[in-house]
Each structure stands twice: as C-alpha cells, then as structure tokens.
Amino acid sequence: MDKEGNFFTRERLVDALKETMGTSADQMVAATLLKIHKFASGADQSDDITIMAIRYTG
C-alpha cells in the first residue's frame, strides 16, 4: 500500500509486467520491485512481497 492506503492493484502489476516484456527474468523482477517501492513511496510495508519468474520455452 501507499501512504494513502491504496493497493498496488493487479492492473498496476500487469502494466509493470507489460513494460518489461522481452527482458530477462532478473530484469523483470528488479523493474517490478522498483515500481512497487516507488508506488509505496516510503510507506511502511503492509505485507510480504513475493515474485516468481518462469520462462516458458515452448
């Protein structure tokens, strides 16, 4: 959540992932975490954060 109590919604997550399409899993995870931390803008972390990246190879 941010300081106003807004959640980092599914829509925000999808948008963040779309921005990183075509990058490596490491880059995707790092960019997504950065977006989450920027969104929270210093608010106390209200829940744990878990990200798993899976590459589909065919």
PDB file of N, CA and C in Angstrom:
ATOM      1  N   MET A   1       0.837  -1.188   0.000  1.00  0.00           N
ATOM      2  CA  MET A   1       0.000   0.000   0.000  1.00  0.00           C
ATOM      3  C   MET A   1       0.879   1.248   0.000  1.00  0.00           C
ATOM      4  N   ASP A   2       0.290   2.311  -0.501  1.00  0.00           N
ATOM      5  CA  ASP A   2       0.976   3.596  -0.425  1.00  0.00           C
ATOM      6  C   ASP A   2       0.568   4.303   0.861  1.00  0.00           C
ATOM      7  N   LYS A   3       1.031   5.511   1.060  1.00  0.00           N
ATOM      8  CA  LYS A   3       0.753   6.242   2.302  1.00  0.00           C
ATOM      9  C   LYS A   3      -0.722   6.576   2.478  1.00  0.00           C
ATOM     10  N   GLU A   4      -1.476   6.596   1.368  1.00  0.00           N
ATOM     11  CA  GLU A   4      -2.912   6.896   1.441  1.00  0.00           C
ATOM     12  C   GLU A   4      -3.761   5.635   1.594  1.00  0.00           C
ATOM     13  N   GLY A   5      -3.118   4.458   1.656  1.00  0.00           N
ATOM     14  CA  GLY A   5      -3.847   3.207   1.826  1.00  0.00           C
ATOM     15  C   GLY A   5      -4.278   2.562   0.524  1.00  0.00           C
ATOM     16  N   ASN A   6      -3.809   3.065  -0.616  1.00  0.00           N
ATOM     17  CA  ASN A   6      -4.137   2.468  -1.910  1.00  0.00           C
ATOM     18  C   ASN A   6      -3.265   1.241  -2.151  1.00  0.00           C
ATOM     19  N   PHE A   7      -3.851   0.221  -2.752  1.00  0.00           N
ATOM     20  CA  PHE A   7      -3.123  -1.006  -3.036  1.00  0.00           C
ATOM     21  C   PHE A   7      -2.442  -0.938  -4.397  1.00  0.00           C
ATOM     22  N   PHE A   8      -1.347  -1.679  -4.543  1.00  0.00           N
ATOM     23  CA  PHE A   8      -0.701  -1.877  -5.834  1.00  0.00           C
ATOM     24  C   PHE A   8      -1.525  -2.963  -6.516  1.00  0.00           C
ATOM     25  N   THR A   9      -2.483  -2.553  -7.292  1.00  0.00           N
ATOM     26  CA  THR A   9      -3.509  -3.460  -7.817  1.00  0.00           C
ATOM     27  C   THR A   9      -2.977  -4.410  -8.892  1.00  0.00           C
ATOM     28  N   ARG A  10      -3.793  -5.366  -9.229  1.00  0.00           N
ATOM     29  CA  ARG A  10      -3.484  -6.302 -10.308  1.00  0.00           C
ATOM     30  C   ARG A  10      -3.231  -5.546 -11.609  1.00  0.00           C
ATOM     31  N   GLU A  11      -4.023  -4.510 -11.844  1.00  0.00           N
ATOM     32  CA  GLU A  11      -3.856  -3.708 -13.060  1.00  0.00           C
ATOM     33  C   GLU A  11      -2.479  -3.057 -13.096  1.00  0.00           C
ATOM     34  N   ARG A  12      -2.023  -2.538 -11.957  1.00  0.00           N
ATOM     35  CA  ARG A  12      -0.696  -1.936 -11.892  1.00  0.00           C
ATOM     36  C   ARG A  12       0.385  -2.991 -12.139  1.00  0.00           C
ATOM     37  N   LEU A  13       0.183  -4.179 -11.590  1.00  0.00           N
ATOM     38  CA  LEU A  13       1.141  -5.260 -11.789  1.00  0.00           C
ATOM     39  C   LEU A  13       1.207  -5.657 -13.262  1.00  0.00           C
ATOM     40  N   VAL A  14       0.059  -5.801 -13.901  1.00  0.00           N
ATOM     41  CA  VAL A  14       0.031  -6.158 -15.326  1.00  0.00           C
ATOM     42  C   VAL A  14       0.734  -5.084 -16.149  1.00  0.00           C
ATOM     43  N   ASP A  15       0.472  -3.823 -15.851  1.00  0.00           N
ATOM     44  CA  ASP A  15       1.129  -2.733 -16.576  1.00  0.00           C
ATOM     45  C   ASP A  15       2.650  -2.787 -16.389  1.00  0.00           C
ATOM     46  N   ALA A  16       3.092  -3.047 -15.164  1.00  0.00           N
ATOM     47  CA  ALA A  16       4.522  -3.132 -14.887  1.00  0.00           C
ATOM     48  C   ALA A  16       5.152  -4.286 -15.658  1.00  0.00           C
ATOM     49  N   LEU A  17       4.456  -5.409 -15.724  1.00  0.00           N
ATOM     50  CA  LEU A  17       4.995  -6.565 -16.446  1.00  0.00           C
ATOM     51  C   LEU A  17       5.013  -6.330 -17.948  1.00  0.00           C
ATOM     52  N   LYS A  18       4.002  -5.648 -18.465  1.00  0.00           N
ATOM     53  CA  LYS A  18       3.981  -5.341 -19.895  1.00  0.00           C
ATOM     54  C   LYS A  18       5.170  -4.477 -20.291  1.00  0.00           C
ATOM     55  N   GLU A  19       5.561  -3.570 -19.414  1.00  0.00           N
ATOM     56  CA  GLU A  19       6.689  -2.684 -19.695  1.00  0.00           C
ATOM     57  C   GLU A  19       8.013  -3.439 -19.773  1.00  0.00           C
ATOM     58  N   THR A  20       8.074  -4.630 -19.185  1.00  0.00           N
ATOM     59  CA  THR A  20       9.329  -5.372 -19.143  1.00  0.00           C
ATOM     60  C   THR A  20       9.308  -6.602 -20.056  1.00  0.00           C
ATOM     61  N   MET A  21       8.282  -6.736 -20.875  1.00  0.00           N
ATOM     62  CA  MET A  21       8.229  -7.881 -21.775  1.00  0.00           C
ATOM     63  C   MET A  21       9.468  -7.899 -22.662  1.00  0.00           C
ATOM     64  N   GLY A  22      10.042  -9.080 -22.840  1.00  0.00           N
ATOM     65  CA  GLY A  22      11.210  -9.219 -23.678  1.00  0.00           C
ATOM     66  C   GLY A  22      12.525  -9.082 -22.931  1.00  0.00           C
ATOM     67  N   THR A  23      12.471  -8.745 -21.644  1.00  0.00           N
ATOM     68  CA  THR A  23      13.688  -8.639 -20.843  1.00  0.00           C
ATOM     69  C   THR A  23      13.928  -9.968 -20.128  1.00  0.00           C
ATOM     70  N   SER A  24      15.062 -10.076 -19.481  1.00  0.00           N
ATOM     71  CA  SER A  24      15.366 -11.296 -18.727  1.00  0.00           C
ATOM     72  C   SER A  24      14.487 -11.355 -17.474  1.00  0.00           C
ATOM     73  N   ALA A  25      14.421 -12.543 -16.892  1.00  0.00           N
ATOM     74  CA  ALA A  25      13.633 -12.709 -15.662  1.00  0.00           C
ATOM     75  C   ALA A  25      14.185 -11.813 -14.560  1.00  0.00           C
ATOM     76  N   ASP A  26      15.508 -11.727 -14.450  1.00  0.00           N
ATOM     77  CA  ASP A  26      16.119 -10.872 -13.429  1.00  0.00           C
ATOM     78  C   ASP A  26      15.731  -9.414 -13.621  1.00  0.00           C
ATOM     79  N   GLN A  27      15.755  -8.945 -14.868  1.00  0.00           N
ATOM     80  CA  GLN A  27      15.388  -7.559 -15.157  1.00  0.00           C
ATOM     81  C   GLN A  27      13.903  -7.319 -14.870  1.00  0.00           C
ATOM     82  N   MET A  28      13.071  -8.288 -15.217  1.00  0.00           N
ATOM     83  CA  MET A  28      11.633  -8.164 -14.976  1.00  0.00           C
ATOM     84  C   MET A  28      11.335  -8.054 -13.483  1.00  0.00           C
ATOM     85  N   VAL A  29      11.966  -8.916 -12.693  1.00  0.00           N
ATOM     86  CA  VAL A  29      11.759  -8.894 -11.240  1.00  0.00           C
ATOM     87  C   VAL A  29      12.259  -7.582 -10.652  1.00  0.00           C
ATOM     88  N   ALA A  30      13.460  -7.168 -11.035  1.00  0.00           N
ATOM     89  CA  ALA A  30      14.033  -5.927 -10.493  1.00  0.00           C
ATOM     90  C   ALA A  30      13.173  -4.717 -10.841  1.00  0.00           C
ATOM     91  N   ALA A  31      12.714  -4.632 -12.086  1.00  0.00           N
ATOM     92  CA  ALA A  31      11.900  -3.493 -12.513  1.00  0.00           C
ATOM     93  C   ALA A  31      10.549  -3.485 -11.794  1.00  0.00           C
ATOM     94  N   THR A  32       9.980  -4.654 -11.600  1.00  0.00           N
ATOM     95  CA  THR A  32       8.682  -4.743 -10.910  1.00  0.00           C
ATOM     96  C   THR A  32       8.825  -4.334  -9.450  1.00  0.00           C
ATOM     97  N   LEU A  33       9.870  -4.810  -8.791  1.00  0.00           N
ATOM     98  CA  LEU A  33      10.105  -4.410  -7.400  1.00  0.00           C
ATOM     99  C   LEU A  33      10.336  -2.906  -7.290  1.00  0.00           C
ATOM    100  N   LEU A  34      11.058  -2.336  -8.229  1.00  0.00           N
ATOM    101  CA  LEU A  34      11.283  -0.897  -8.233  1.00  0.00           C
ATOM    102  C   LEU A  34       9.954  -0.150  -8.350  1.00  0.00           C
ATOM    103  N   LYS A  35       9.074  -0.613  -9.243  1.00  0.00           N
ATOM    104  CA  LYS A  35       7.750   0.018  -9.394  1.00  0.00           C
ATOM    105  C   LYS A  35       6.958  -0.062  -8.086  1.00  0.00           C
ATOM    106  N   ILE A  36       7.019  -1.209  -7.427  1.00  0.00           N
ATOM    107  CA  ILE A  36       6.294  -1.396  -6.163  1.00  0.00           C
ATOM    108  C   ILE A  36       6.824  -0.435  -5.110  1.00  0.00           C
ATOM    109  N   HIS A  37       8.143  -0.345  -4.988  1.00  0.00           N
ATOM    110  CA  HIS A  37       8.735   0.542  -3.984  1.00  0.00           C
ATOM    111  C   HIS A  37       8.461   2.009  -4.292  1.00  0.00           C
ATOM    112  N   LYS A  38       8.494   2.384  -5.565  1.00  0.00           N
ATOM    113  CA  LYS A  38       8.147   3.758  -5.936  1.00  0.00           C
ATOM    114  C   LYS A  38       6.693   4.056  -5.617  1.00  0.00           C
ATOM    115  N   PHE A  39       5.803   3.092  -5.877  1.00  0.00           N
ATOM    116  CA  PHE A  39       4.381   3.262  -5.591  1.00  0.00           C
ATOM    117  C   PHE A  39       4.178   3.481  -4.093  1.00  0.00           C
ATOM    118  N   ALA A  40       4.841   2.676  -3.277  1.00  0.00           N
ATOM    119  CA  ALA A  40       4.674   2.766  -1.822  1.00  0.00           C
ATOM    120  C   ALA A  40       5.221   4.085  -1.294  1.00  0.00           C
ATOM    121  N   SER A  41       6.159   4.675  -1.991  1.00  0.00           N
ATOM    122  CA  SER A  41       6.759   5.984  -1.676  1.00  0.00           C
ATOM    123  C   SER A  41       7.034   6.177  -0.184  1.00  0.00           C
ATOM    124  N   GLY A  42       7.718   5.195   0.404  1.00  0.00           N
ATOM    125  CA  GLY A  42       8.135   5.337   1.789  1.00  0.00           C
ATOM    126  C   GLY A  42       7.148   4.851   2.827  1.00  0.00           C
ATOM    127  N   ALA A  43       5.983   4.381   2.420  1.00  0.00           N
ATOM    128  CA  ALA A  43       5.008   3.852   3.381  1.00  0.00           C
ATOM    129  C   ALA A  43       5.562   2.562   3.987  1.00  0.00           C
ATOM    130  N   ASP A  44       5.183   2.274   5.219  1.00  0.00           N
ATOM    131  CA  ASP A  44       5.580   1.016   5.836  1.00  0.00           C
ATOM    132  C   ASP A  44       5.054  -0.144   4.998  1.00  0.00           C
ATOM    133  N   GLN A  45       5.861  -1.183   4.867  1.00  0.00           N
ATOM    134  CA  GLN A  45       5.429  -2.351   4.091  1.00  0.00           C
ATOM    135  C   GLN A  45       4.311  -3.041   4.854  1.00  0.00           C
ATOM    136  N   SER A  46       3.155  -3.213   4.202  1.00  0.00           N
ATOM    137  CA  SER A  46       1.974  -3.752   4.871  1.00  0.00           C
ATOM    138  C   SER A  46       1.829  -5.258   4.705  1.00  0.00           C
ATOM    139  N   ASP A  47       2.623  -5.854   3.817  1.00  0.00           N
ATOM    140  CA  ASP A  47       2.544  -7.289   3.569  1.00  0.00           C
ATOM    141  C   ASP A  47       3.862  -7.742   2.965  1.00  0.00           C
ATOM    142  N   ASP A  48       4.051  -9.053   2.883  1.00  0.00           N
ATOM    143  CA  ASP A  48       5.272  -9.542   2.257  1.00  0.00           C
ATOM    144  C   ASP A  48       5.182  -9.386   0.738  1.00  0.00           C
ATOM    145  N   ILE A  49       6.322  -9.428   0.083  1.00  0.00           N
ATOM    146  CA  ILE A  49       6.382  -9.310  -1.375  1.00  0.00           C
ATOM    147  C   ILE A  49       7.089 -10.556  -1.898  1.00  0.00           C
ATOM    148  N   THR A  50       6.410 -11.299  -2.740  1.00  0.00           N
ATOM    149  CA  THR A  50       6.991 -12.486  -3.355  1.00  0.00           C
ATOM    150  C   THR A  50       6.802 -12.396  -4.857  1.00  0.00           C
ATOM    151  N   ILE A  51       7.886 -12.592  -5.600  1.00  0.00           N
ATOM    152  CA  ILE A  51       7.812 -12.583  -7.055  1.00  0.00           C
ATOM    153  C   ILE A  51       8.507 -13.835  -7.572  1.00  0.00           C
ATOM    154  N   MET A  52       7.838 -14.538  -8.461  1.00  0.00           N
ATOM    155  CA  MET A  52       8.443 -15.701  -9.101  1.00  0.00           C
ATOM    156  C   MET A  52       8.345 -15.498 -10.612  1.00  0.00           C
ATOM    157  N   ALA A  53       9.469 -15.646 -11.294  1.00  0.00           N
ATOM    158  CA  ALA A  53       9.503 -15.507 -12.740  1.00  0.00           C
ATOM    159  C   ALA A  53       9.740 -16.879 -13.359  1.00  0.00           C
ATOM    160  N   ILE A  54       8.923 -17.212 -14.334  1.00  0.00           N
ATOM    161  CA  ILE A  54       9.026 -18.500 -15.021  1.00  0.00           C
ATOM    162  C   ILE A  54       9.187 -18.245 -16.497  1.00  0.00           C
ATOM    163  N   ARG A  55      10.138 -18.900 -17.122  1.00  0.00           N
ATOM    164  CA  ARG A  55      10.335 -18.752 -18.564  1.00  0.00           C
ATOM    165  C   ARG A  55       9.706 -19.959 -19.258  1.00  0.00           C
ATOM    166  N   TYR A  56       8.797 -19.686 -20.187  1.00  0.00           N
ATOM    167  CA  TYR A  56       8.169 -20.719 -20.991  1.00  0.00           C
ATOM    168  C   TYR A  56       8.982 -20.882 -22.261  1.00  0.00           C
ATOM    169  N   THR A  57       9.461 -22.060 -22.528  1.00  0.00           N
ATOM    170  CA  THR A  57      10.341 -22.273 -23.672  1.00  0.00           C
ATOM    171  C   THR A  57       9.717 -23.111 -24.770  1.00  0.00           C
ATOM    172  N   GLY A  58       8.435 -23.233 -24.748  1.00  0.00           N
ATOM    173  CA  GLY A  58       7.815 -23.914 -25.860  1.00  0.00           C
ATOM    174  C   GLY A  58       6.898 -24.974 -25.446  1.00  0.00           C
TER     175      GLY A  58
END
